[in-house]
Amino acid sequence: LLTISMQEPTVRGLNATANVCTIAHIIVLAVALTAVRNGQRDKIRFVKSLIPSL
């Protein structure tokens, strides 16, 4: 997810880029938490395997 958002950043400046990275990390942690709560621990690291419609 972070790689996708950094290929063509929509923001300029160090602080704005840091904020985008922080948001991306929070989303990744939320996906991992959702995977654990749904009993799909094998899908913690892969967003596309947890949410195949992406």
PDB file of N, CA and C in Angstrom:
ATOM      1  N   LEU A   1       0.826  -1.198   0.000  1.00  0.00           N
ATOM      2  CA  LEU A   1       0.000   0.000   0.000  1.00  0.00           C
ATOM      3  C   LEU A   1       0.866   1.256   0.000  1.00  0.00           C
ATOM      4  N   LEU A   2       1.894   1.236   0.817  1.00  0.00           N
ATOM      5  CA  LEU A   2       2.776   2.398   0.869  1.00  0.00           C
ATOM      6  C   LEU A   2       3.500   2.579  -0.455  1.00  0.00           C
ATOM      7  N   THR A   3       3.908   1.484  -1.076  1.00  0.00           N
ATOM      8  CA  THR A   3       4.587   1.563  -2.361  1.00  0.00           C
ATOM      9  C   THR A   3       3.686   2.180  -3.416  1.00  0.00           C
ATOM     10  N   ILE A   4       2.419   1.794  -3.408  1.00  0.00           N
ATOM     11  CA  ILE A   4       1.468   2.332  -4.376  1.00  0.00           C
ATOM     12  C   ILE A   4       1.294   3.837  -4.183  1.00  0.00           C
ATOM     13  N   SER A   5       1.175   4.262  -2.948  1.00  0.00           N
ATOM     14  CA  SER A   5       0.945   5.688  -2.699  1.00  0.00           C
ATOM     15  C   SER A   5       2.189   6.534  -2.931  1.00  0.00           C
ATOM     16  N   MET A   6       3.367   5.936  -2.928  1.00  0.00           N
ATOM     17  CA  MET A   6       4.586   6.703  -3.118  1.00  0.00           C
ATOM     18  C   MET A   6       5.068   6.706  -4.567  1.00  0.00           C
ATOM     19  N   GLN A   7       4.489   5.873  -5.441  1.00  0.00           N
ATOM     20  CA  GLN A   7       4.902   5.872  -6.842  1.00  0.00           C
ATOM     21  C   GLN A   7       4.584   7.203  -7.503  1.00  0.00           C
ATOM     22  N   GLU A   8       3.416   7.721  -7.241  1.00  0.00           N
ATOM     23  CA  GLU A   8       3.021   9.034  -7.742  1.00  0.00           C
ATOM     24  C   GLU A   8       2.377   9.808  -6.592  1.00  0.00           C
ATOM     25  N   PRO A   9       3.194  10.387  -5.728  1.00  0.00           N
ATOM     26  CA  PRO A   9       2.629  11.075  -4.561  1.00  0.00           C
ATOM     27  C   PRO A   9       1.743  12.247  -4.975  1.00  0.00           C
ATOM     28  N   THR A  10       0.665  12.421  -4.247  1.00  0.00           N
ATOM     29  CA  THR A  10      -0.272  13.502  -4.543  1.00  0.00           C
ATOM     30  C   THR A  10       0.020  14.739  -3.710  1.00  0.00           C
ATOM     31  N   VAL A  11       1.090  14.689  -2.944  1.00  0.00           N
ATOM     32  CA  VAL A  11       1.447  15.807  -2.067  1.00  0.00           C
ATOM     33  C   VAL A  11       2.877  16.240  -2.341  1.00  0.00           C
ATOM     34  N   ARG A  12       3.205  17.423  -1.855  1.00  0.00           N
ATOM     35  CA  ARG A  12       4.570  17.931  -1.989  1.00  0.00           C
ATOM     36  C   ARG A  12       5.074  18.352  -0.617  1.00  0.00           C
ATOM     37  N   GLY A  13       6.338  18.160  -0.404  1.00  0.00           N
ATOM     38  CA  GLY A  13       6.938  18.571   0.858  1.00  0.00           C
ATOM     39  C   GLY A  13       7.159  17.395   1.789  1.00  0.00           C
ATOM     40  N   LEU A  14       8.129  17.551   2.650  1.00  0.00           N
ATOM     41  CA  LEU A  14       8.510  16.474   3.562  1.00  0.00           C
ATOM     42  C   LEU A  14       7.420  16.170   4.581  1.00  0.00           C
ATOM     43  N   ASN A  15       6.839  17.184   5.184  1.00  0.00           N
ATOM     44  CA  ASN A  15       5.801  16.946   6.192  1.00  0.00           C
ATOM     45  C   ASN A  15       4.569  16.291   5.593  1.00  0.00           C
ATOM     46  N   ALA A  16       4.161  16.740   4.418  1.00  0.00           N
ATOM     47  CA  ALA A  16       2.990  16.156   3.767  1.00  0.00           C
ATOM     48  C   ALA A  16       3.252  14.701   3.391  1.00  0.00           C
ATOM     49  N   THR A  17       4.446  14.418   2.890  1.00  0.00           N
ATOM     50  CA  THR A  17       4.801  13.044   2.540  1.00  0.00           C
ATOM     51  C   THR A  17       4.849  12.172   3.785  1.00  0.00           C
ATOM     52  N   ALA A  18       5.369  12.700   4.872  1.00  0.00           N
ATOM     53  CA  ALA A  18       5.401  11.950   6.130  1.00  0.00           C
ATOM     54  C   ALA A  18       3.991  11.640   6.612  1.00  0.00           C
ATOM     55  N   ASN A  19       3.079  12.580   6.442  1.00  0.00           N
ATOM     56  CA  ASN A  19       1.689  12.344   6.835  1.00  0.00           C
ATOM     57  C   ASN A  19       1.052  11.245   5.996  1.00  0.00           C
ATOM     58  N   VAL A  20       1.332  11.233   4.693  1.00  0.00           N
ATOM     59  CA  VAL A  20       0.799  10.182   3.820  1.00  0.00           C
ATOM     60  C   VAL A  20       1.348   8.822   4.246  1.00  0.00           C
ATOM     61  N   CYS A  21       2.631   8.773   4.571  1.00  0.00           N
ATOM     62  CA  CYS A  21       3.240   7.515   5.030  1.00  0.00           C
ATOM     63  C   CYS A  21       2.598   7.050   6.332  1.00  0.00           C
ATOM     64  N   THR A  22       2.347   7.969   7.235  1.00  0.00           N
ATOM     65  CA  THR A  22       1.706   7.619   8.505  1.00  0.00           C
ATOM     66  C   THR A  22       0.316   7.051   8.277  1.00  0.00           C
ATOM     67  N   ILE A  23      -0.455   7.681   7.411  1.00  0.00           N
ATOM     68  CA  ILE A  23      -1.801   7.190   7.104  1.00  0.00           C
ATOM     69  C   ILE A  23      -1.733   5.805   6.473  1.00  0.00           C
ATOM     70  N   ALA A  24      -0.780   5.596   5.557  1.00  0.00           N
ATOM     71  CA  ALA A  24      -0.628   4.283   4.919  1.00  0.00           C
ATOM     72  C   ALA A  24      -0.286   3.212   5.949  1.00  0.00           C
ATOM     73  N   HIS A  25       0.583   3.535   6.900  1.00  0.00           N
ATOM     74  CA  HIS A  25       0.937   2.566   7.936  1.00  0.00           C
ATOM     75  C   HIS A  25      -0.263   2.247   8.828  1.00  0.00           C
ATOM     76  N   ILE A  26      -1.047   3.241   9.152  1.00  0.00           N
ATOM     77  CA  ILE A  26      -2.251   3.007   9.965  1.00  0.00           C
ATOM     78  C   ILE A  26      -3.214   2.091   9.226  1.00  0.00           C
ATOM     79  N   ILE A  27      -3.366   2.289   7.921  1.00  0.00           N
ATOM     80  CA  ILE A  27      -4.255   1.438   7.125  1.00  0.00           C
ATOM     81  C   ILE A  27      -3.754   0.004   7.107  1.00  0.00           C
ATOM     82  N   VAL A  28      -2.439  -0.175   6.951  1.00  0.00           N
ATOM     83  CA  VAL A  28      -1.872  -1.525   6.945  1.00  0.00           C
ATOM     84  C   VAL A  28      -2.114  -2.208   8.290  1.00  0.00           C
ATOM     85  N   LEU A  29      -1.948  -1.473   9.385  1.00  0.00           N
ATOM     86  CA  LEU A  29      -2.210  -2.048  10.703  1.00  0.00           C
ATOM     87  C   LEU A  29      -3.687  -2.391  10.878  1.00  0.00           C
ATOM     88  N   ALA A  30      -4.568  -1.561  10.338  1.00  0.00           N
ATOM     89  CA  ALA A  30      -6.008  -1.841  10.414  1.00  0.00           C
ATOM     90  C   ALA A  30      -6.360  -3.098   9.625  1.00  0.00           C
ATOM     91  N   VAL A  31      -5.726  -3.284   8.474  1.00  0.00           N
ATOM     92  CA  VAL A  31      -5.955  -4.498   7.675  1.00  0.00           C
ATOM     93  C   VAL A  31      -5.479  -5.721   8.441  1.00  0.00           C
ATOM     94  N   ALA A  32      -4.311  -5.624   9.074  1.00  0.00           N
ATOM     95  CA  ALA A  32      -3.797  -6.747   9.858  1.00  0.00           C
ATOM     96  C   ALA A  32      -4.727  -7.070  11.020  1.00  0.00           C
ATOM     97  N   LEU A  33      -5.210  -6.064  11.699  1.00  0.00           N
ATOM     98  CA  LEU A  33      -6.131  -6.273  12.812  1.00  0.00           C
ATOM     99  C   LEU A  33      -7.427  -6.923  12.331  1.00  0.00           C
ATOM    100  N   THR A  34      -7.934  -6.471  11.196  1.00  0.00           N
ATOM    101  CA  THR A  34      -9.147  -7.057  10.623  1.00  0.00           C
ATOM    102  C   THR A  34      -8.929  -8.517  10.259  1.00  0.00           C
ATOM    103  N   ALA A  35      -7.770  -8.832   9.699  1.00  0.00           N
ATOM    104  CA  ALA A  35      -7.462 -10.218   9.337  1.00  0.00           C
ATOM    105  C   ALA A  35      -7.438 -11.109  10.572  1.00  0.00           C
ATOM    106  N   VAL A  36      -6.836 -10.628  11.644  1.00  0.00           N
ATOM    107  CA  VAL A  36      -6.766 -11.417  12.880  1.00  0.00           C
ATOM    108  C   VAL A  36      -8.160 -11.610  13.472  1.00  0.00           C
ATOM    109  N   ARG A  37      -8.936 -10.550  13.499  1.00  0.00           N
ATOM    110  CA  ARG A  37     -10.290 -10.650  14.074  1.00  0.00           C
ATOM    111  C   ARG A  37     -11.209 -11.546  13.256  1.00  0.00           C
ATOM    112  N   ASN A  38     -10.940 -11.672  11.960  1.00  0.00           N
ATOM    113  CA  ASN A  38     -11.747 -12.542  11.104  1.00  0.00           C
ATOM    114  C   ASN A  38     -11.202 -13.961  11.037  1.00  0.00           C
ATOM    115  N   GLY A  39     -10.138 -14.235  11.795  1.00  0.00           N
ATOM    116  CA  GLY A  39      -9.560 -15.571  11.820  1.00  0.00           C
ATOM    117  C   GLY A  39      -8.778 -15.919  10.567  1.00  0.00           C
ATOM    118  N   GLN A  40      -8.282 -14.924   9.854  1.00  0.00           N
ATOM    119  CA  GLN A  40      -7.516 -15.156   8.633  1.00  0.00           C
ATOM    120  C   GLN A  40      -6.081 -14.672   8.824  1.00  0.00           C
ATOM    121  N   ARG A  41      -5.404 -15.242   9.803  1.00  0.00           N
ATOM    122  CA  ARG A  41      -4.047 -14.804  10.143  1.00  0.00           C
ATOM    123  C   ARG A  41      -3.073 -14.920   8.977  1.00  0.00           C
ATOM    124  N   ASP A  42      -3.324 -15.853   8.058  1.00  0.00           N
ATOM    125  CA  ASP A  42      -2.420 -16.029   6.925  1.00  0.00           C
ATOM    126  C   ASP A  42      -2.492 -14.857   5.944  1.00  0.00           C
ATOM    127  N   LYS A  43      -3.465 -13.984   6.092  1.00  0.00           N
ATOM    128  CA  LYS A  43      -3.641 -12.867   5.168  1.00  0.00           C
ATOM    129  C   LYS A  43      -3.267 -11.528   5.789  1.00  0.00           C
ATOM    130  N   ILE A  44      -2.561 -11.549   6.894  1.00  0.00           N
ATOM    131  CA  ILE A  44      -2.193 -10.323   7.600  1.00  0.00           C
ATOM    132  C   ILE A  44      -1.340  -9.407   6.721  1.00  0.00           C
ATOM    133  N   ARG A  45      -0.433  -9.964   5.959  1.00  0.00           N
ATOM    134  CA  ARG A  45       0.528  -9.141   5.240  1.00  0.00           C
ATOM    135  C   ARG A  45       0.097  -8.758   3.833  1.00  0.00           C
ATOM    136  N   PHE A  46      -1.010  -9.279   3.372  1.00  0.00           N
ATOM    137  CA  PHE A  46      -1.388  -9.050   1.985  1.00  0.00           C
ATOM    138  C   PHE A  46      -2.797  -8.483   1.894  1.00  0.00           C
ATOM    139  N   VAL A  47      -2.895  -7.214   1.560  1.00  0.00           N
ATOM    140  CA  VAL A  47      -4.190  -6.547   1.476  1.00  0.00           C
ATOM    141  C   VAL A  47      -5.062  -7.209   0.420  1.00  0.00           C
ATOM    142  N   LYS A  48      -4.480  -7.542  -0.734  1.00  0.00           N
ATOM    143  CA  LYS A  48      -5.274  -8.097  -1.832  1.00  0.00           C
ATOM    144  C   LYS A  48      -5.844  -9.467  -1.506  1.00  0.00           C
ATOM    145  N   SER A  49      -5.178 -10.249  -0.656  1.00  0.00           N
ATOM    146  CA  SER A  49      -5.726 -11.565  -0.322  1.00  0.00           C
ATOM    147  C   SER A  49      -6.856 -11.449   0.700  1.00  0.00           C
ATOM    148  N   LEU A  50      -6.843 -10.390   1.501  1.00  0.00           N
ATOM    149  CA  LEU A  50      -7.922 -10.175   2.468  1.00  0.00           C
ATOM    150  C   LEU A  50      -9.127  -9.530   1.793  1.00  0.00           C
ATOM    151  N   ILE A  51      -8.860  -8.600   0.888  1.00  0.00           N
ATOM    152  CA  ILE A  51      -9.924  -7.886   0.178  1.00  0.00           C
ATOM    153  C   ILE A  51      -9.700  -8.094  -1.323  1.00  0.00           C
ATOM    154  N   PRO A  52     -10.174  -9.212  -1.880  1.00  0.00           N
ATOM    155  CA  PRO A  52      -9.865  -9.543  -3.272  1.00  0.00           C
ATOM    156  C   PRO A  52     -10.446  -8.580  -4.303  1.00  0.00           C
ATOM    157  N   SER A  53     -11.402  -7.764  -3.941  1.00  0.00           N
ATOM    158  CA  SER A  53     -12.010  -6.866  -4.925  1.00  0.00           C
ATOM    159  C   SER A  53     -11.165  -5.625  -5.219  1.00  0.00           C
ATOM    160  N   LEU A  54     -10.036  -5.451  -4.541  1.00  0.00           N
ATOM    161  CA  LEU A  54      -9.181  -4.283  -4.812  1.00  0.00           C
ATOM    162  C   LEU A  54      -8.469  -4.418  -6.130  1.00  0.00           C
TER     163      LEU A  54
END
